[in-house]
Amino acid sequence: MTVTPKITVGDGRLVAHGRTILTGVPENIMLTHASGAGLVDGAFVGATAGEAKSMHVFTFGTLR
């Protein structure tokens, strides 16, 4: 049995359970799936930056 993530980021979209939540998601936005016992439908949404600073402001996309 293959289990696929229900939350994904790709093609400029954040999709949860087949529904687009955000559009215009930049390439520096990343998704890390929750880990734990059994099937977990959670994820952490973060961003990567080109330089280290004490504060960053990121655009995550447009809410649908």
PDB file of N, CA and C in Angstrom:
ATOM      1  N   MET A   1       0.839  -1.172   0.000  1.00  0.00           N
ATOM      2  CA  MET A   1       0.000   0.000   0.000  1.00  0.00           C
ATOM      3  C   MET A   1       0.891   1.244   0.000  1.00  0.00           C
ATOM      4  N   THR A   2       0.618   2.154  -0.889  1.00  0.00           N
ATOM      5  CA  THR A   2       1.367   3.401  -0.975  1.00  0.00           C
ATOM      6  C   THR A   2       0.535   4.521  -0.354  1.00  0.00           C
ATOM      7  N   VAL A   3       1.143   5.251   0.566  1.00  0.00           N
ATOM      8  CA  VAL A   3       0.471   6.381   1.201  1.00  0.00           C
ATOM      9  C   VAL A   3       1.147   7.647   0.700  1.00  0.00           C
ATOM     10  N   THR A   4       0.374   8.534   0.114  1.00  0.00           N
ATOM     11  CA  THR A   4       0.923   9.792  -0.391  1.00  0.00           C
ATOM     12  C   THR A   4       0.545  10.927   0.558  1.00  0.00           C
ATOM     13  N   PRO A   5       1.392  11.953   0.648  1.00  0.00           N
ATOM     14  CA  PRO A   5       1.086  13.077   1.535  1.00  0.00           C
ATOM     15  C   PRO A   5      -0.171  13.806   1.076  1.00  0.00           C
ATOM     16  N   LYS A   6      -0.951  14.261   2.024  1.00  0.00           N
ATOM     17  CA  LYS A   6      -2.169  14.996   1.694  1.00  0.00           C
ATOM     18  C   LYS A   6      -1.938  16.493   1.674  1.00  0.00           C
ATOM     19  N   ILE A   7      -0.731  16.929   2.050  1.00  0.00           N
ATOM     20  CA  ILE A   7      -0.367  18.343   2.014  1.00  0.00           C
ATOM     21  C   ILE A   7       0.892  18.457   1.166  1.00  0.00           C
ATOM     22  N   THR A   8       0.834  19.267   0.105  1.00  0.00           N
ATOM     23  CA  THR A   8       1.968  19.384  -0.801  1.00  0.00           C
ATOM     24  C   THR A   8       2.198  20.845  -1.199  1.00  0.00           C
ATOM     25  N   VAL A   9       3.440  21.139  -1.577  1.00  0.00           N
ATOM     26  CA  VAL A   9       3.795  22.429  -2.162  1.00  0.00           C
ATOM     27  C   VAL A   9       4.462  22.131  -3.494  1.00  0.00           C
ATOM     28  N   GLY A  10       3.950  22.720  -4.563  1.00  0.00           N
ATOM     29  CA  GLY A  10       4.532  22.532  -5.885  1.00  0.00           C
ATOM     30  C   GLY A  10       3.770  23.330  -6.918  1.00  0.00           C
ATOM     31  N   ASP A  11       4.429  23.645  -7.992  1.00  0.00           N
ATOM     32  CA  ASP A  11       3.824  24.427  -9.077  1.00  0.00           C
ATOM     33  C   ASP A  11       3.213  25.731  -8.573  1.00  0.00           C
ATOM     34  N   GLY A  12       3.851  26.330  -7.549  1.00  0.00           N
ATOM     35  CA  GLY A  12       3.377  27.616  -7.032  1.00  0.00           C
ATOM     36  C   GLY A  12       2.108  27.520  -6.207  1.00  0.00           C
ATOM     37  N   ARG A  13       1.764  26.313  -5.732  1.00  0.00           N
ATOM     38  CA  ARG A  13       0.537  26.136  -4.950  1.00  0.00           C
ATOM     39  C   ARG A  13       0.800  25.308  -3.699  1.00  0.00           C
ATOM     40  N   LEU A  14       0.082  25.633  -2.612  1.00  0.00           N
ATOM     41  CA  LEU A  14       0.046  24.781  -1.431  1.00  0.00           C
ATOM     42  C   LEU A  14      -1.330  24.125  -1.449  1.00  0.00           C
ATOM     43  N   VAL A  15      -1.342  22.797  -1.484  1.00  0.00           N
ATOM     44  CA  VAL A  15      -2.573  22.032  -1.617  1.00  0.00           C
ATOM     45  C   VAL A  15      -2.728  21.124  -0.402  1.00  0.00           C
ATOM     46  N   ALA A  16      -3.908  21.134   0.215  1.00  0.00           N
ATOM     47  CA  ALA A  16      -4.215  20.256   1.347  1.00  0.00           C
ATOM     48  C   ALA A  16      -5.471  19.468   1.027  1.00  0.00           C
ATOM     49  N   HIS A  17      -5.352  18.151   1.052  1.00  0.00           N
ATOM     50  CA  HIS A  17      -6.479  17.249   0.796  1.00  0.00           C
ATOM     51  C   HIS A  17      -7.161  17.564  -0.538  1.00  0.00           C
ATOM     52  N   GLY A  18      -6.349  17.869  -1.557  1.00  0.00           N
ATOM     53  CA  GLY A  18      -6.872  18.119  -2.900  1.00  0.00           C
ATOM     54  C   GLY A  18      -7.405  19.521  -3.148  1.00  0.00           C
ATOM     55  N   ARG A  19      -7.346  20.391  -2.162  1.00  0.00           N
ATOM     56  CA  ARG A  19      -7.846  21.762  -2.330  1.00  0.00           C
ATOM     57  C   ARG A  19      -6.696  22.755  -2.262  1.00  0.00           C
ATOM     58  N   THR A  20      -6.671  23.681  -3.198  1.00  0.00           N
ATOM     59  CA  THR A  20      -5.633  24.708  -3.212  1.00  0.00           C
ATOM     60  C   THR A  20      -5.905  25.708  -2.095  1.00  0.00           C
ATOM     61  N   ILE A  21      -4.909  25.879  -1.217  1.00  0.00           N
ATOM     62  CA  ILE A  21      -5.021  26.811  -0.093  1.00  0.00           C
ATOM     63  C   ILE A  21      -4.317  28.124  -0.430  1.00  0.00           C
ATOM     64  N   LEU A  22      -3.105  28.033  -1.002  1.00  0.00           N
ATOM     65  CA  LEU A  22      -2.333  29.219  -1.386  1.00  0.00           C
ATOM     66  C   LEU A  22      -1.911  29.107  -2.844  1.00  0.00           C
ATOM     67  N   THR A  23      -1.919  30.223  -3.546  1.00  0.00           N
ATOM     68  CA  THR A  23      -1.376  30.298  -4.897  1.00  0.00           C
ATOM     69  C   THR A  23      -0.226  31.292  -4.884  1.00  0.00           C
ATOM     70  N   GLY A  24       0.592  31.266  -5.914  1.00  0.00           N
ATOM     71  CA  GLY A  24       1.728  32.190  -5.981  1.00  0.00           C
ATOM     72  C   GLY A  24       2.782  31.903  -4.932  1.00  0.00           C
ATOM     73  N   VAL A  25       2.905  30.635  -4.527  1.00  0.00           N
ATOM     74  CA  VAL A  25       3.878  30.259  -3.499  1.00  0.00           C
ATOM     75  C   VAL A  25       5.281  30.316  -4.101  1.00  0.00           C
ATOM     76  N   PRO A  26       6.197  31.114  -3.518  1.00  0.00           N
ATOM     77  CA  PRO A  26       7.545  31.242  -4.067  1.00  0.00           C
ATOM     78  C   PRO A  26       8.368  29.952  -3.914  1.00  0.00           C
ATOM     79  N   GLU A  27       9.446  29.859  -4.659  1.00  0.00           N
ATOM     80  CA  GLU A  27      10.322  28.683  -4.646  1.00  0.00           C
ATOM     81  C   GLU A  27      11.029  28.468  -3.309  1.00  0.00           C
ATOM     82  N   ASN A  28      11.184  29.521  -2.497  1.00  0.00           N
ATOM     83  CA  ASN A  28      11.907  29.372  -1.238  1.00  0.00           C
ATOM     84  C   ASN A  28      11.034  28.827  -0.102  1.00  0.00           C
ATOM     85  N   ILE A  29       9.772  28.569  -0.371  1.00  0.00           N
ATOM     86  CA  ILE A  29       8.872  27.991   0.633  1.00  0.00           C
ATOM     87  C   ILE A  29       9.006  26.479   0.590  1.00  0.00           C
ATOM     88  N   MET A  30       9.166  25.875   1.776  1.00  0.00           N
ATOM     89  CA  MET A  30       9.345  24.430   1.840  1.00  0.00           C
ATOM     90  C   MET A  30       8.351  23.823   2.819  1.00  0.00           C
ATOM     91  N   LEU A  31       8.098  22.546   2.650  1.00  0.00           N
ATOM     92  CA  LEU A  31       7.145  21.827   3.476  1.00  0.00           C
ATOM     93  C   LEU A  31       7.838  20.606   4.054  1.00  0.00           C
ATOM     94  N   THR A  32       7.729  20.427   5.365  1.00  0.00           N
ATOM     95  CA  THR A  32       8.288  19.260   6.027  1.00  0.00           C
ATOM     96  C   THR A  32       7.134  18.516   6.686  1.00  0.00           C
ATOM     97  N   HIS A  33       6.931  17.272   6.285  1.00  0.00           N
ATOM     98  CA  HIS A  33       5.823  16.488   6.813  1.00  0.00           C
ATOM     99  C   HIS A  33       6.089  16.066   8.247  1.00  0.00           C
ATOM    100  N   ALA A  34       5.020  16.038   9.035  1.00  0.00           N
ATOM    101  CA  ALA A  34       5.116  15.615  10.431  1.00  0.00           C
ATOM    102  C   ALA A  34       5.531  14.152  10.476  1.00  0.00           C
ATOM    103  N   SER A  35       6.252  13.808  11.503  1.00  0.00           N
ATOM    104  CA  SER A  35       6.649  12.410  11.666  1.00  0.00           C
ATOM    105  C   SER A  35       6.080  11.895  12.971  1.00  0.00           C
ATOM    106  N   GLY A  36       5.740  10.666  12.965  1.00  0.00           N
ATOM    107  CA  GLY A  36       5.183  10.055  14.164  1.00  0.00           C
ATOM    108  C   GLY A  36       4.674   8.678  13.835  1.00  0.00           C
ATOM    109  N   ALA A  37       4.061   8.055  14.785  1.00  0.00           N
ATOM    110  CA  ALA A  37       3.528   6.719  14.578  1.00  0.00           C
ATOM    111  C   ALA A  37       2.233   6.804  13.765  1.00  0.00           C
ATOM    112  N   GLY A  38       2.074   5.900  12.827  1.00  0.00           N
ATOM    113  CA  GLY A  38       0.853   5.842  12.038  1.00  0.00           C
ATOM    114  C   GLY A  38       0.815   6.891  10.947  1.00  0.00           C
ATOM    115  N   LEU A  39      -0.373   7.101  10.413  1.00  0.00           N
ATOM    116  CA  LEU A  39      -0.561   8.085   9.342  1.00  0.00           C
ATOM    117  C   LEU A  39      -0.799   9.457   9.961  1.00  0.00           C
ATOM    118  N   VAL A  40       0.041  10.406   9.613  1.00  0.00           N
ATOM    119  CA  VAL A  40      -0.056  11.756  10.157  1.00  0.00           C
ATOM    120  C   VAL A  40      -0.285  12.714   9.002  1.00  0.00           C
ATOM    121  N   ASP A  41      -1.323  13.557   9.098  1.00  0.00           N
ATOM    122  CA  ASP A  41      -1.646  14.502   8.040  1.00  0.00           C
ATOM    123  C   ASP A  41      -1.226  15.919   8.393  1.00  0.00           C
ATOM    124  N   GLY A  42      -0.110  16.092   9.060  1.00  0.00           N
ATOM    125  CA  GLY A  42       0.353  17.418   9.443  1.00  0.00           C
ATOM    126  C   GLY A  42       1.659  17.764   8.764  1.00  0.00           C
ATOM    127  N   ALA A  43       1.978  19.053   8.737  1.00  0.00           N
ATOM    128  CA  ALA A  43       3.225  19.495   8.116  1.00  0.00           C
ATOM    129  C   ALA A  43       3.624  20.852   8.682  1.00  0.00           C
ATOM    130  N   PHE A  44       4.920  21.145   8.591  1.00  0.00           N
ATOM    131  CA  PHE A  44       5.462  22.444   8.954  1.00  0.00           C
ATOM    132  C   PHE A  44       5.788  23.178   7.665  1.00  0.00           C
ATOM    133  N   VAL A  45       5.301  24.408   7.529  1.00  0.00           N
ATOM    134  CA  VAL A  45       5.605  25.231   6.358  1.00  0.00           C
ATOM    135  C   VAL A  45       6.659  26.245   6.783  1.00  0.00           C
ATOM    136  N   GLY A  46       7.776  26.272   6.060  1.00  0.00           N
ATOM    137  CA  GLY A  46       8.863  27.184   6.386  1.00  0.00           C
ATOM    138  C   GLY A  46       9.418  27.834   5.134  1.00  0.00           C
ATOM    139  N   ALA A  47      10.455  28.610   5.309  1.00  0.00           N
ATOM    140  CA  ALA A  47      11.076  29.300   4.182  1.00  0.00           C
ATOM    141  C   ALA A  47      12.583  29.280   4.346  1.00  0.00           C
ATOM    142  N   THR A  48      13.274  29.329   3.231  1.00  0.00           N
ATOM    143  CA  THR A  48      14.725  29.411   3.255  1.00  0.00           C
ATOM    144  C   THR A  48      15.141  30.818   2.837  1.00  0.00           C
ATOM    145  N   ALA A  49      16.256  31.272   3.394  1.00  0.00           N
ATOM    146  CA  ALA A  49      16.748  32.615   3.098  1.00  0.00           C
ATOM    147  C   ALA A  49      18.171  32.530   2.555  1.00  0.00           C
ATOM    148  N   GLY A  50      18.536  33.482   1.742  1.00  0.00           N
ATOM    149  CA  GLY A  50      19.862  33.517   1.155  1.00  0.00           C
ATOM    150  C   GLY A  50      20.955  33.963   2.117  1.00  0.00           C
ATOM    151  N   GLU A  51      20.565  34.662   3.170  1.00  0.00           N
ATOM    152  CA  GLU A  51      21.548  35.146   4.134  1.00  0.00           C
ATOM    153  C   GLU A  51      20.984  35.057   5.549  1.00  0.00           C
ATOM    154  N   ALA A  52      21.866  34.947   6.524  1.00  0.00           N
ATOM    155  CA  ALA A  52      21.448  34.863   7.919  1.00  0.00           C
ATOM    156  C   ALA A  52      21.182  36.263   8.470  1.00  0.00           C
ATOM    157  N   LYS A  53      20.039  36.426   9.128  1.00  0.00           N
ATOM    158  CA  LYS A  53      19.659  37.676   9.784  1.00  0.00           C
ATOM    159  C   LYS A  53      18.925  37.335  11.065  1.00  0.00           C
ATOM    160  N   SER A  54      18.757  38.330  11.922  1.00  0.00           N
ATOM    161  CA  SER A  54      17.994  38.094  13.139  1.00  0.00           C
ATOM    162  C   SER A  54      16.493  38.133  12.880  1.00  0.00           C
ATOM    163  N   MET A  55      16.070  38.696  11.738  1.00  0.00           N
ATOM    164  CA  MET A  55      14.648  38.745  11.404  1.00  0.00           C
ATOM    165  C   MET A  55      14.469  38.651   9.888  1.00  0.00           C
ATOM    166  N   HIS A  56      13.537  37.819   9.469  1.00  0.00           N
ATOM    167  CA  HIS A  56      13.203  37.691   8.053  1.00  0.00           C
ATOM    168  C   HIS A  56      11.700  37.865   7.895  1.00  0.00           C
ATOM    169  N   VAL A  57      11.272  38.439   6.777  1.00  0.00           N
ATOM    170  CA  VAL A  57       9.874  38.535   6.423  1.00  0.00           C
ATOM    171  C   VAL A  57       9.715  37.837   5.086  1.00  0.00           C
ATOM    172  N   PHE A  58       8.801  36.872   5.011  1.00  0.00           N
ATOM    173  CA  PHE A  58       8.610  36.082   3.797  1.00  0.00           C
ATOM    174  C   PHE A  58       7.167  36.184   3.310  1.00  0.00           C
ATOM    175  N   THR A  59       7.002  36.147   2.015  1.00  0.00           N
ATOM    176  CA  THR A  59       5.685  36.026   1.403  1.00  0.00           C
ATOM    177  C   THR A  59       5.443  34.537   1.169  1.00  0.00           C
ATOM    178  N   PHE A  60       4.310  34.034   1.628  1.00  0.00           N
ATOM    179  CA  PHE A  60       3.978  32.628   1.472  1.00  0.00           C
ATOM    180  C   PHE A  60       3.024  32.381   0.316  1.00  0.00           C
ATOM    181  N   GLY A  61       2.469  33.417  -0.275  1.00  0.00           N
ATOM    182  CA  GLY A  61       1.536  33.253  -1.381  1.00  0.00           C
ATOM    183  C   GLY A  61       0.237  33.971  -1.084  1.00  0.00           C
ATOM    184  N   THR A  62      -0.756  33.726  -1.928  1.00  0.00           N
ATOM    185  CA  THR A  62      -2.057  34.375  -1.820  1.00  0.00           C
ATOM    186  C   THR A  62      -3.087  33.361  -1.345  1.00  0.00           C
ATOM    187  N   LEU A  63      -3.809  33.703  -0.292  1.00  0.00           N
ATOM    188  CA  LEU A  63      -4.844  32.828   0.260  1.00  0.00           C
ATOM    189  C   LEU A  63      -6.000  32.726  -0.723  1.00  0.00           C
ATOM    190  N   ARG A  64      -6.448  31.494  -0.955  1.00  0.00           N
ATOM    191  CA  ARG A  64      -7.558  31.267  -1.890  1.00  0.00           C
ATOM    192  C   ARG A  64      -8.869  31.266  -1.168  1.00  0.00           C
TER     193      ARG A  64
END
